[in-house]
Amino acid sequence: MTIIAPLMLIIAAGALYTRVWLPWGEKASGNIVRVESLSLFGRLRMHGPHVGLLCLVAILSALLGWVNPIVALLAMIMAAGVIVLPGRYTVTTTGIRSGGTPVRRWTEIGGV
């Protein structure tokens, strides 16, 4: 058992938090119209596939003996914790931004 697999698993779980909080990320441009909190189902839709995939990789890694089951459990708890954190949409005159994601211009979603 090497240190690479457990370290990659923990880093991947921590990287999920950059979608919620990224201090050096792009600031919302334009005048802020509204800041709306993201519901639980919205957070599940946003983070659910990534958290599910990471949990699947953690379980497989533990079953194959690549990581200690405690490390796999820790990675799954860290990954699931991102869903619990509150998220916000920032609506501005030029676009919309969610958490640490880039600003989406209104012209990108004008046809929706």
PDB file of N, CA and C in Angstrom:
ATOM      1  N   MET A   1       0.862  -1.174   0.000  1.00  0.00           N
ATOM      2  CA  MET A   1       0.000   0.000   0.000  1.00  0.00           C
ATOM      3  C   MET A   1       0.909   1.239   0.000  1.00  0.00           C
ATOM      4  N   THR A   2       0.737   2.061  -1.010  1.00  0.00           N
ATOM      5  CA  THR A   2       1.539   3.283  -1.104  1.00  0.00           C
ATOM      6  C   THR A   2       0.747   4.469  -0.559  1.00  0.00           C
ATOM      7  N   ILE A   3       1.400   5.590  -0.495  1.00  0.00           N
ATOM      8  CA  ILE A   3       0.773   6.802   0.026  1.00  0.00           C
ATOM      9  C   ILE A   3       0.037   7.562  -1.080  1.00  0.00           C
ATOM     10  N   ILE A   4       0.280   7.211  -2.347  1.00  0.00           N
ATOM     11  CA  ILE A   4      -0.267   7.958  -3.476  1.00  0.00           C
ATOM     12  C   ILE A   4      -1.797   7.837  -3.552  1.00  0.00           C
ATOM     13  N   ALA A   5      -2.335   6.635  -3.477  1.00  0.00           N
ATOM     14  CA  ALA A   5      -3.780   6.438  -3.626  1.00  0.00           C
ATOM     15  C   ALA A   5      -4.579   7.136  -2.515  1.00  0.00           C
ATOM     16  N   PRO A   6      -4.215   6.971  -1.232  1.00  0.00           N
ATOM     17  CA  PRO A   6      -4.980   7.680  -0.198  1.00  0.00           C
ATOM     18  C   PRO A   6      -4.873   9.197  -0.323  1.00  0.00           C
ATOM     19  N   LEU A   7      -3.681   9.664  -0.692  1.00  0.00           N
ATOM     20  CA  LEU A   7      -3.491  11.105  -0.844  1.00  0.00           C
ATOM     21  C   LEU A   7      -4.335  11.658  -1.993  1.00  0.00           C
ATOM     22  N   MET A   8      -4.386  10.942  -3.100  1.00  0.00           N
ATOM     23  CA  MET A   8      -5.204  11.381  -4.246  1.00  0.00           C
ATOM     24  C   MET A   8      -6.687  11.398  -3.888  1.00  0.00           C
ATOM     25  N   LEU A   9      -7.118  10.421  -3.119  1.00  0.00           N
ATOM     26  CA  LEU A   9      -8.521  10.344  -2.715  1.00  0.00           C
ATOM     27  C   LEU A   9      -8.899  11.525  -1.826  1.00  0.00           C
ATOM     28  N   ILE A  10      -8.055  11.870  -0.871  1.00  0.00           N
ATOM     29  CA  ILE A  10      -8.327  12.990   0.031  1.00  0.00           C
ATOM     30  C   ILE A  10      -8.261  14.315  -0.730  1.00  0.00           C
ATOM     31  N   ILE A  11      -7.302  14.466  -1.638  1.00  0.00           N
ATOM     32  CA  ILE A  11      -7.206  15.699  -2.440  1.00  0.00           C
ATOM     33  C   ILE A  11      -8.425  15.851  -3.335  1.00  0.00           C
ATOM     34  N   ALA A  12      -8.892  14.761  -3.927  1.00  0.00           N
ATOM     35  CA  ALA A  12     -10.082  14.825  -4.779  1.00  0.00           C
ATOM     36  C   ALA A  12     -11.315  15.233  -3.969  1.00  0.00           C
ATOM     37  N   ALA A  13     -11.434  14.724  -2.754  1.00  0.00           N
ATOM     38  CA  ALA A  13     -12.563  15.103  -1.898  1.00  0.00           C
ATOM     39  C   ALA A  13     -12.473  16.571  -1.520  1.00  0.00           C
ATOM     40  N   GLY A  14     -11.277  17.046  -1.219  1.00  0.00           N
ATOM     41  CA  GLY A  14     -11.100  18.459  -0.879  1.00  0.00           C
ATOM     42  C   GLY A  14     -11.325  19.381  -2.060  1.00  0.00           C
ATOM     43  N   ALA A  15     -11.022  18.895  -3.261  1.00  0.00           N
ATOM     44  CA  ALA A  15     -11.195  19.718  -4.459  1.00  0.00           C
ATOM     45  C   ALA A  15     -12.666  20.021  -4.739  1.00  0.00           C
ATOM     46  N   LEU A  16     -13.567  19.201  -4.238  1.00  0.00           N
ATOM     47  CA  LEU A  16     -14.997  19.466  -4.434  1.00  0.00           C
ATOM     48  C   LEU A  16     -15.427  20.779  -3.783  1.00  0.00           C
ATOM     49  N   TYR A  17     -14.712  21.190  -2.749  1.00  0.00           N
ATOM     50  CA  TYR A  17     -15.074  22.415  -2.037  1.00  0.00           C
ATOM     51  C   TYR A  17     -14.785  23.673  -2.849  1.00  0.00           C
ATOM     52  N   THR A  18     -13.980  23.562  -3.897  1.00  0.00           N
ATOM     53  CA  THR A  18     -13.697  24.741  -4.719  1.00  0.00           C
ATOM     54  C   THR A  18     -14.913  25.176  -5.524  1.00  0.00           C
ATOM     55  N   ARG A  19     -15.915  24.310  -5.659  1.00  0.00           N
ATOM     56  CA  ARG A  19     -17.133  24.707  -6.349  1.00  0.00           C
ATOM     57  C   ARG A  19     -18.041  25.542  -5.450  1.00  0.00           C
ATOM     58  N   VAL A  20     -17.801  25.481  -4.141  1.00  0.00           N
ATOM     59  CA  VAL A  20     -18.606  26.243  -3.188  1.00  0.00           C
ATOM     60  C   VAL A  20     -17.884  27.517  -2.770  1.00  0.00           C
ATOM     61  N   TRP A  21     -16.596  27.405  -2.494  1.00  0.00           N
ATOM     62  CA  TRP A  21     -15.831  28.547  -1.989  1.00  0.00           C
ATOM     63  C   TRP A  21     -14.488  28.582  -2.682  1.00  0.00           C
ATOM     64  N   LEU A  22     -14.229  29.656  -3.396  1.00  0.00           N
ATOM     65  CA  LEU A  22     -12.964  29.849  -4.088  1.00  0.00           C
ATOM     66  C   LEU A  22     -12.570  31.304  -3.917  1.00  0.00           C
ATOM     67  N   PRO A  23     -11.702  31.608  -2.947  1.00  0.00           N
ATOM     68  CA  PRO A  23     -11.413  33.010  -2.615  1.00  0.00           C
ATOM     69  C   PRO A  23     -10.737  33.782  -3.743  1.00  0.00           C
ATOM     70  N   TRP A  24      -9.991  33.127  -4.612  1.00  0.00           N
ATOM     71  CA  TRP A  24      -9.293  33.828  -5.680  1.00  0.00           C
ATOM     72  C   TRP A  24     -10.058  33.749  -6.996  1.00  0.00           C
ATOM     73  N   GLY A  25     -11.302  33.265  -6.964  1.00  0.00           N
ATOM     74  CA  GLY A  25     -12.094  33.109  -8.179  1.00  0.00           C
ATOM     75  C   GLY A  25     -12.564  34.439  -8.757  1.00  0.00           C
ATOM     76  N   GLU A  26     -13.149  34.344  -9.918  1.00  0.00           N
ATOM     77  CA  GLU A  26     -13.664  35.508 -10.626  1.00  0.00           C
ATOM     78  C   GLU A  26     -14.817  36.129  -9.838  1.00  0.00           C
ATOM     79  N   LYS A  27     -14.771  37.429  -9.683  1.00  0.00           N
ATOM     80  CA  LYS A  27     -15.836  38.126  -8.971  1.00  0.00           C
ATOM     81  C   LYS A  27     -17.012  38.341  -9.915  1.00  0.00           C
ATOM     82  N   ALA A  28     -18.191  38.428  -9.344  1.00  0.00           N
ATOM     83  CA  ALA A  28     -19.390  38.670 -10.145  1.00  0.00           C
ATOM     84  C   ALA A  28     -19.329  40.085 -10.701  1.00  0.00           C
ATOM     85  N   SER A  29     -19.457  40.201 -12.025  1.00  0.00           N
ATOM     86  CA  SER A  29     -19.382  41.520 -12.651  1.00  0.00           C
ATOM     87  C   SER A  29     -20.783  42.100 -12.821  1.00  0.00           C
ATOM     88  N   GLY A  30     -20.858  43.400 -12.946  1.00  0.00           N
ATOM     89  CA  GLY A  30     -22.153  44.077 -13.093  1.00  0.00           C
ATOM     90  C   GLY A  30     -22.752  44.428 -11.748  1.00  0.00           C
ATOM     91  N   ASN A  31     -23.926  44.981 -11.798  1.00  0.00           N
ATOM     92  CA  ASN A  31     -24.649  45.339 -10.572  1.00  0.00           C
ATOM     93  C   ASN A  31     -25.372  44.118 -10.028  1.00  0.00           C
ATOM     94  N   ILE A  32     -25.223  43.875  -8.739  1.00  0.00           N
ATOM     95  CA  ILE A  32     -25.883  42.717  -8.124  1.00  0.00           C
ATOM     96  C   ILE A  32     -27.375  42.985  -8.027  1.00  0.00           C
ATOM     97  N   VAL A  33     -28.145  42.089  -8.637  1.00  0.00           N
ATOM     98  CA  VAL A  33     -29.596  42.203  -8.618  1.00  0.00           C
ATOM     99  C   VAL A  33     -30.170  41.438  -7.435  1.00  0.00           C
ATOM    100  N   ARG A  34     -29.641  40.226  -7.214  1.00  0.00           N
ATOM    101  CA  ARG A  34     -30.169  39.389  -6.142  1.00  0.00           C
ATOM    102  C   ARG A  34     -29.167  38.299  -5.780  1.00  0.00           C
ATOM    103  N   VAL A  35     -29.148  37.934  -4.523  1.00  0.00           N
ATOM    104  CA  VAL A  35     -28.371  36.789  -4.052  1.00  0.00           C
ATOM    105  C   VAL A  35     -29.372  35.797  -3.494  1.00  0.00           C
ATOM    106  N   GLU A  36     -29.444  34.640  -4.120  1.00  0.00           N
ATOM    107  CA  GLU A  36     -30.443  33.633  -3.764  1.00  0.00           C
ATOM    108  C   GLU A  36     -29.739  32.399  -3.228  1.00  0.00           C
ATOM    109  N   SER A  37     -30.244  31.854  -2.120  1.00  0.00           N
ATOM    110  CA  SER A  37     -29.623  30.640  -1.575  1.00  0.00           C
ATOM    111  C   SER A  37     -30.060  29.430  -2.389  1.00  0.00           C
ATOM    112  N   LEU A  38     -29.176  28.455  -2.441  1.00  0.00           N
ATOM    113  CA  LEU A  38     -29.409  27.240  -3.209  1.00  0.00           C
ATOM    114  C   LEU A  38     -30.078  26.213  -2.307  1.00  0.00           C
ATOM    115  N   SER A  39     -31.153  25.603  -2.772  1.00  0.00           N
ATOM    116  CA  SER A  39     -31.879  24.620  -1.972  1.00  0.00           C
ATOM    117  C   SER A  39     -31.076  23.322  -1.870  1.00  0.00           C
ATOM    118  N   LEU A  40     -31.523  22.439  -1.012  1.00  0.00           N
ATOM    119  CA  LEU A  40     -30.855  21.149  -0.845  1.00  0.00           C
ATOM    120  C   LEU A  40     -30.867  20.376  -2.158  1.00  0.00           C
ATOM    121  N   PHE A  41     -31.998  20.382  -2.848  1.00  0.00           N
ATOM    122  CA  PHE A  41     -32.075  19.660  -4.113  1.00  0.00           C
ATOM    123  C   PHE A  41     -31.180  20.294  -5.180  1.00  0.00           C
ATOM    124  N   GLY A  42     -31.034  21.591  -5.139  1.00  0.00           N
ATOM    125  CA  GLY A  42     -30.118  22.264  -6.049  1.00  0.00           C
ATOM    126  C   GLY A  42     -28.678  21.874  -5.774  1.00  0.00           C
ATOM    127  N   ARG A  43     -28.334  21.779  -4.493  1.00  0.00           N
ATOM    128  CA  ARG A  43     -26.976  21.353  -4.122  1.00  0.00           C
ATOM    129  C   ARG A  43     -26.745  19.898  -4.500  1.00  0.00           C
ATOM    130  N   LEU A  44     -27.776  19.061  -4.353  1.00  0.00           N
ATOM    131  CA  LEU A  44     -27.652  17.662  -4.758  1.00  0.00           C
ATOM    132  C   LEU A  44     -27.461  17.544  -6.267  1.00  0.00           C
ATOM    133  N   ARG A  45     -28.189  18.360  -7.020  1.00  0.00           N
ATOM    134  CA  ARG A  45     -28.028  18.340  -8.479  1.00  0.00           C
ATOM    135  C   ARG A  45     -26.653  18.832  -8.901  1.00  0.00           C
ATOM    136  N   MET A  46     -26.136  19.805  -8.179  1.00  0.00           N
ATOM    137  CA  MET A  46     -24.847  20.396  -8.534  1.00  0.00           C
ATOM    138  C   MET A  46     -23.679  19.490  -8.133  1.00  0.00           C
ATOM    139  N   HIS A  47     -23.741  18.910  -6.944  1.00  0.00           N
ATOM    140  CA  HIS A  47     -22.612  18.148  -6.418  1.00  0.00           C
ATOM    141  C   HIS A  47     -22.839  16.643  -6.402  1.00  0.00           C
ATOM    142  N   GLY A  48     -24.073  16.207  -6.523  1.00  0.00           N
ATOM    143  CA  GLY A  48     -24.404  14.785  -6.391  1.00  0.00           C
ATOM    144  C   GLY A  48     -23.607  13.842  -7.275  1.00  0.00           C
ATOM    145  N   PRO A  49     -23.512  14.112  -8.581  1.00  0.00           N
ATOM    146  CA  PRO A  49     -22.745  13.183  -9.434  1.00  0.00           C
ATOM    147  C   PRO A  49     -21.272  13.094  -9.045  1.00  0.00           C
ATOM    148  N   HIS A  50     -20.668  14.216  -8.695  1.00  0.00           N
ATOM    149  CA  HIS A  50     -19.254  14.204  -8.315  1.00  0.00           C
ATOM    150  C   HIS A  50     -19.044  13.475  -6.995  1.00  0.00           C
ATOM    151  N   VAL A  51     -19.931  13.728  -6.035  1.00  0.00           N
ATOM    152  CA  VAL A  51     -19.834  13.065  -4.731  1.00  0.00           C
ATOM    153  C   VAL A  51     -20.074  11.563  -4.897  1.00  0.00           C
ATOM    154  N   GLY A  52     -21.064  11.205  -5.702  1.00  0.00           N
ATOM    155  CA  GLY A  52     -21.353   9.785  -5.935  1.00  0.00           C
ATOM    156  C   GLY A  52     -20.190   9.060  -6.579  1.00  0.00           C
ATOM    157  N   LEU A  53     -19.565   9.687  -7.567  1.00  0.00           N
ATOM    158  CA  LEU A  53     -18.418   9.075  -8.237  1.00  0.00           C
ATOM    159  C   LEU A  53     -17.243   8.922  -7.278  1.00  0.00           C
ATOM    160  N   LEU A  54     -16.993   9.940  -6.478  1.00  0.00           N
ATOM    161  CA  LEU A  54     -15.888   9.856  -5.526  1.00  0.00           C
ATOM    162  C   LEU A  54     -16.152   8.777  -4.477  1.00  0.00           C
ATOM    163  N   CYS A  55     -17.394   8.650  -4.023  1.00  0.00           N
ATOM    164  CA  CYS A  55     -17.729   7.603  -3.052  1.00  0.00           C
ATOM    165  C   CYS A  55     -17.562   6.215  -3.675  1.00  0.00           C
ATOM    166  N   LEU A  56     -17.937   6.072  -4.943  1.00  0.00           N
ATOM    167  CA  LEU A  56     -17.755   4.799  -5.636  1.00  0.00           C
ATOM    168  C   LEU A  56     -16.269   4.452  -5.759  1.00  0.00           C
ATOM    169  N   VAL A  57     -15.458   5.423  -6.124  1.00  0.00           N
ATOM    170  CA  VAL A  57     -14.009   5.205  -6.219  1.00  0.00           C
ATOM    171  C   VAL A  57     -13.432   4.863  -4.845  1.00  0.00           C
ATOM    172  N   ALA A  58     -13.908   5.529  -3.797  1.00  0.00           N
ATOM    173  CA  ALA A  58     -13.410   5.247  -2.448  1.00  0.00           C
ATOM    174  C   ALA A  58     -13.757   3.823  -2.017  1.00  0.00           C
ATOM    175  N   ILE A  59     -14.970   3.398  -2.311  1.00  0.00           N
ATOM    176  CA  ILE A  59     -15.388   2.035  -1.947  1.00  0.00           C
ATOM    177  C   ILE A  59     -14.579   1.009  -2.725  1.00  0.00           C
ATOM    178  N   LEU A  60     -14.425   1.211  -4.029  1.00  0.00           N
ATOM    179  CA  LEU A  60     -13.636   0.278  -4.837  1.00  0.00           C
ATOM    180  C   LEU A  60     -12.174   0.246  -4.391  1.00  0.00           C
ATOM    181  N   SER A  61     -11.630   1.407  -4.051  1.00  0.00           N
ATOM    182  CA  SER A  61     -10.248   1.461  -3.595  1.00  0.00           C
ATOM    183  C   SER A  61     -10.070   0.704  -2.276  1.00  0.00           C
ATOM    184  N   ALA A  62     -11.049   0.811  -1.407  1.00  0.00           N
ATOM    185  CA  ALA A  62     -10.970   0.085  -0.137  1.00  0.00           C
ATOM    186  C   ALA A  62     -11.122  -1.423  -0.357  1.00  0.00           C
ATOM    187  N   LEU A  63     -12.027  -1.806  -1.259  1.00  0.00           N
ATOM    188  CA  LEU A  63     -12.221  -3.231  -1.530  1.00  0.00           C
ATOM    189  C   LEU A  63     -11.006  -3.861  -2.202  1.00  0.00           C
ATOM    190  N   LEU A  64     -10.335  -3.102  -3.068  1.00  0.00           N
ATOM    191  CA  LEU A  64      -9.154  -3.615  -3.755  1.00  0.00           C
ATOM    192  C   LEU A  64      -7.892  -3.529  -2.896  1.00  0.00           C
ATOM    193  N   GLY A  65      -7.989  -2.889  -1.741  1.00  0.00           N
ATOM    194  CA  GLY A  65      -6.863  -2.802  -0.826  1.00  0.00           C
ATOM    195  C   GLY A  65      -5.884  -1.673  -1.136  1.00  0.00           C
ATOM    196  N   TRP A  66      -6.280  -0.741  -1.999  1.00  0.00           N
ATOM    197  CA  TRP A  66      -5.406   0.381  -2.333  1.00  0.00           C
ATOM    198  C   TRP A  66      -5.340   1.391  -1.197  1.00  0.00           C
ATOM    199  N   VAL A  67      -6.442   1.538  -0.461  1.00  0.00           N
ATOM    200  CA  VAL A  67      -6.477   2.476   0.661  1.00  0.00           C
ATOM    201  C   VAL A  67      -7.061   1.771   1.880  1.00  0.00           C
ATOM    202  N   ASN A  68      -6.764   2.309   3.018  1.00  0.00           N
ATOM    203  CA  ASN A  68      -7.327   1.844   4.271  1.00  0.00           C
ATOM    204  C   ASN A  68      -8.820   2.194   4.278  1.00  0.00           C
ATOM    205  N   PRO A  69      -9.676   1.322   4.772  1.00  0.00           N
ATOM    206  CA  PRO A  69     -11.108   1.641   4.822  1.00  0.00           C
ATOM    207  C   PRO A  69     -11.423   2.920   5.611  1.00  0.00           C
ATOM    208  N   ILE A  70     -10.613   3.238   6.611  1.00  0.00           N
ATOM    209  CA  ILE A  70     -10.823   4.470   7.377  1.00  0.00           C
ATOM    210  C   ILE A  70     -10.584   5.689   6.488  1.00  0.00           C
ATOM    211  N   VAL A  71      -9.559   5.630   5.641  1.00  0.00           N
ATOM    212  CA  VAL A  71      -9.266   6.731   4.716  1.00  0.00           C
ATOM    213  C   VAL A  71     -10.391   6.864   3.701  1.00  0.00           C
ATOM    214  N   ALA A  72     -10.908   5.738   3.216  1.00  0.00           N
ATOM    215  CA  ALA A  72     -12.029   5.772   2.269  1.00  0.00           C
ATOM    216  C   ALA A  72     -13.264   6.391   2.925  1.00  0.00           C
ATOM    217  N   LEU A  73     -13.531   6.028   4.166  1.00  0.00           N
ATOM    218  CA  LEU A  73     -14.668   6.603   4.887  1.00  0.00           C
ATOM    219  C   LEU A  73     -14.474   8.105   5.103  1.00  0.00           C
ATOM    220  N   LEU A  74     -13.262   8.509   5.454  1.00  0.00           N
ATOM    221  CA  LEU A  74     -12.963   9.929   5.632  1.00  0.00           C
ATOM    222  C   LEU A  74     -13.178  10.703   4.332  1.00  0.00           C
ATOM    223  N   ALA A  75     -12.743  10.150   3.210  1.00  0.00           N
ATOM    224  CA  ALA A  75     -12.936  10.808   1.920  1.00  0.00           C
ATOM    225  C   ALA A  75     -14.422  10.920   1.575  1.00  0.00           C
ATOM    226  N   MET A  76     -15.197   9.884   1.887  1.00  0.00           N
ATOM    227  CA  MET A  76     -16.636   9.931   1.608  1.00  0.00           C
ATOM    228  C   MET A  76     -17.336  10.961   2.491  1.00  0.00           C
ATOM    229  N   ILE A  77     -16.935  11.064   3.739  1.00  0.00           N
ATOM    230  CA  ILE A  77     -17.531  12.066   4.635  1.00  0.00           C
ATOM    231  C   ILE A  77     -17.171  13.468   4.169  1.00  0.00           C
ATOM    232  N   MET A  78     -15.909  13.657   3.765  1.00  0.00           N
ATOM    233  CA  MET A  78     -15.498  14.974   3.242  1.00  0.00           C
ATOM    234  C   MET A  78     -16.294  15.331   1.992  1.00  0.00           C
ATOM    235  N   ALA A  79     -16.468  14.366   1.110  1.00  0.00           N
ATOM    236  CA  ALA A  79     -17.197  14.616  -0.130  1.00  0.00           C
ATOM    237  C   ALA A  79     -18.665  14.922   0.146  1.00  0.00           C
ATOM    238  N   ALA A  80     -19.277  14.180   1.048  1.00  0.00           N
ATOM    239  CA  ALA A  80     -20.686  14.420   1.367  1.00  0.00           C
ATOM    240  C   ALA A  80     -20.870  15.744   2.098  1.00  0.00           C
ATOM    241  N   GLY A  81     -19.836  16.208   2.768  1.00  0.00           N
ATOM    242  CA  GLY A  81     -19.920  17.484   3.483  1.00  0.00           C
ATOM    243  C   GLY A  81     -20.131  18.674   2.573  1.00  0.00           C
ATOM    244  N   VAL A  82     -19.713  18.564   1.328  1.00  0.00           N
ATOM    245  CA  VAL A  82     -19.898  19.679   0.396  1.00  0.00           C
ATOM    246  C   VAL A  82     -21.384  19.912   0.108  1.00  0.00           C
ATOM    247  N   ILE A  83     -22.196  18.891   0.211  1.00  0.00           N
ATOM    248  CA  ILE A  83     -23.636  19.035  -0.022  1.00  0.00           C
ATOM    249  C   ILE A  83     -24.294  19.773   1.134  1.00  0.00           C
ATOM    250  N   VAL A  84     -23.753  19.635   2.324  1.00  0.00           N
ATOM    251  CA  VAL A  84     -24.334  20.266   3.508  1.00  0.00           C
ATOM    252  C   VAL A  84     -24.057  21.772   3.535  1.00  0.00           C
ATOM    253  N   LEU A  85     -22.944  22.192   2.944  1.00  0.00           N
ATOM    254  CA  LEU A  85     -22.594  23.610   2.964  1.00  0.00           C
ATOM    255  C   LEU A  85     -23.616  24.449   2.203  1.00  0.00           C
ATOM    256  N   PRO A  86     -23.951  25.620   2.724  1.00  0.00           N
ATOM    257  CA  PRO A  86     -24.908  26.470   2.012  1.00  0.00           C
ATOM    258  C   PRO A  86     -24.284  27.020   0.730  1.00  0.00           C
ATOM    259  N   GLY A  87     -25.094  27.085  -0.296  1.00  0.00           N
ATOM    260  CA  GLY A  87     -24.645  27.630  -1.576  1.00  0.00           C
ATOM    261  C   GLY A  87     -25.505  28.815  -1.960  1.00  0.00           C
ATOM    262  N   ARG A  88     -24.959  29.693  -2.810  1.00  0.00           N
ATOM    263  CA  ARG A  88     -25.703  30.881  -3.229  1.00  0.00           C
ATOM    264  C   ARG A  88     -25.525  31.118  -4.718  1.00  0.00           C
ATOM    265  N   TYR A  89     -26.583  31.588  -5.320  1.00  0.00           N
ATOM    266  CA  TYR A  89     -26.523  32.117  -6.672  1.00  0.00           C
ATOM    267  C   TYR A  89     -26.439  33.626  -6.567  1.00  0.00           C
ATOM    268  N   THR A  90     -25.561  34.231  -7.330  1.00  0.00           N
ATOM    269  CA  THR A  90     -25.490  35.683  -7.405  1.00  0.00           C
ATOM    270  C   THR A  90     -25.963  36.094  -8.792  1.00  0.00           C
ATOM    271  N   VAL A  91     -27.062  36.797  -8.833  1.00  0.00           N
ATOM    272  CA  VAL A  91     -27.634  37.250 -10.096  1.00  0.00           C
ATOM    273  C   VAL A  91     -27.235  38.710 -10.285  1.00  0.00           C
ATOM    274  N   THR A  92     -26.578  39.017 -11.404  1.00  0.00           N
ATOM    275  CA  THR A  92     -26.171  40.388 -11.705  1.00  0.00           C
ATOM    276  C   THR A  92     -26.772  40.809 -13.037  1.00  0.00           C
ATOM    277  N   THR A  93     -26.509  42.042 -13.415  1.00  0.00           N
ATOM    278  CA  THR A  93     -27.036  42.544 -14.682  1.00  0.00           C
ATOM    279  C   THR A  93     -26.328  41.915 -15.878  1.00  0.00           C
ATOM    280  N   THR A  94     -25.149  41.353 -15.676  1.00  0.00           N
ATOM    281  CA  THR A  94     -24.414  40.748 -16.793  1.00  0.00           C
ATOM    282  C   THR A  94     -24.470  39.233 -16.816  1.00  0.00           C
ATOM    283  N   GLY A  95     -24.814  38.586 -15.709  1.00  0.00           N
ATOM    284  CA  GLY A  95     -24.856  37.135 -15.699  1.00  0.00           C
ATOM    285  C   GLY A  95     -25.224  36.565 -14.346  1.00  0.00           C
ATOM    286  N   ILE A  96     -24.921  35.282 -14.186  1.00  0.00           N
ATOM    287  CA  ILE A  96     -25.264  34.565 -12.962  1.00  0.00           C
ATOM    288  C   ILE A  96     -24.051  33.736 -12.549  1.00  0.00           C
ATOM    289  N   ARG A  97     -23.846  33.621 -11.253  1.00  0.00           N
ATOM    290  CA  ARG A  97     -22.705  32.886 -10.711  1.00  0.00           C
ATOM    291  C   ARG A  97     -23.165  32.069  -9.529  1.00  0.00           C
ATOM    292  N   SER A  98     -22.680  30.837  -9.430  1.00  0.00           N
ATOM    293  CA  SER A  98     -23.018  29.969  -8.312  1.00  0.00           C
ATOM    294  C   SER A  98     -21.747  29.546  -7.607  1.00  0.00           C
ATOM    295  N   GLY A  99     -21.594  29.931  -6.358  1.00  0.00           N
ATOM    296  CA  GLY A  99     -20.443  29.523  -5.565  1.00  0.00           C
ATOM    297  C   GLY A  99     -19.130  29.928  -6.192  1.00  0.00           C
ATOM    298  N   GLY A 100     -18.243  28.961  -6.395  1.00  0.00           N
ATOM    299  CA  GLY A 100     -16.943  29.226  -6.974  1.00  0.00           C
ATOM    300  C   GLY A 100     -16.880  29.009  -8.476  1.00  0.00           C
ATOM    301  N   THR A 101     -18.029  28.793  -9.102  1.00  0.00           N
ATOM    302  CA  THR A 101     -18.034  28.560 -10.541  1.00  0.00           C
ATOM    303  C   THR A 101     -17.888  29.880 -11.294  1.00  0.00           C
ATOM    304  N   PRO A 102     -17.452  29.838 -12.546  1.00  0.00           N
ATOM    305  CA  PRO A 102     -17.310  31.078 -13.319  1.00  0.00           C
ATOM    306  C   PRO A 102     -18.663  31.734 -13.599  1.00  0.00           C
ATOM    307  N   VAL A 103     -18.615  33.023 -13.900  1.00  0.00           N
ATOM    308  CA  VAL A 103     -19.834  33.768 -14.230  1.00  0.00           C
ATOM    309  C   VAL A 103     -20.343  33.300 -15.584  1.00  0.00           C
ATOM    310  N   ARG A 104     -21.628  33.020 -15.664  1.00  0.00           N
ATOM    311  CA  ARG A 104     -22.271  32.662 -16.929  1.00  0.00           C
ATOM    312  C   ARG A 104     -23.005  33.893 -17.431  1.00  0.00           C
ATOM    313  N   ARG A 105     -22.646  34.346 -18.587  1.00  0.00           N
ATOM    314  CA  ARG A 105     -23.275  35.531 -19.175  1.00  0.00           C
ATOM    315  C   ARG A 105     -24.702  35.207 -19.594  1.00  0.00           C
ATOM    316  N   TRP A 106     -25.549  36.215 -19.598  1.00  0.00           N
ATOM    317  CA  TRP A 106     -26.936  36.021 -19.982  1.00  0.00           C
ATOM    318  C   TRP A 106     -27.044  35.575 -21.425  1.00  0.00           C
ATOM    319  N   THR A 107     -26.091  35.957 -22.264  1.00  0.00           N
ATOM    320  CA  THR A 107     -26.143  35.545 -23.673  1.00  0.00           C
ATOM    321  C   THR A 107     -25.928  34.039 -23.827  1.00  0.00           C
ATOM    322  N   GLU A 108     -25.256  33.399 -22.863  1.00  0.00           N
ATOM    323  CA  GLU A 108     -25.052  31.960 -22.920  1.00  0.00           C
ATOM    324  C   GLU A 108     -26.342  31.189 -22.660  1.00  0.00           C
ATOM    325  N   ILE A 109     -27.214  31.751 -21.852  1.00  0.00           N
ATOM    326  CA  ILE A 109     -28.452  31.045 -21.480  1.00  0.00           C
ATOM    327  C   ILE A 109     -29.683  31.784 -21.991  1.00  0.00           C
ATOM    328  N   GLY A 110     -29.498  32.621 -22.990  1.00  0.00           N
ATOM    329  CA  GLY A 110     -30.607  33.415 -23.503  1.00  0.00           C
ATOM    330  C   GLY A 110     -31.697  32.585 -24.147  1.00  0.00           C
ATOM    331  N   GLY A 111     -31.349  31.426 -24.715  1.00  0.00           N
ATOM    332  CA  GLY A 111     -32.340  30.581 -25.382  1.00  0.00           C
ATOM    333  C   GLY A 111     -33.109  29.678 -24.462  1.00  0.00           C
ATOM    334  N   VAL A 112     -32.755  29.662 -23.187  1.00  0.00           N
ATOM    335  CA  VAL A 112     -33.421  28.754 -22.236  1.00  0.00           C
ATOM    336  C   VAL A 112     -34.707  29.367 -21.751  1.00  0.00           C
TER     337      VAL A 112
END
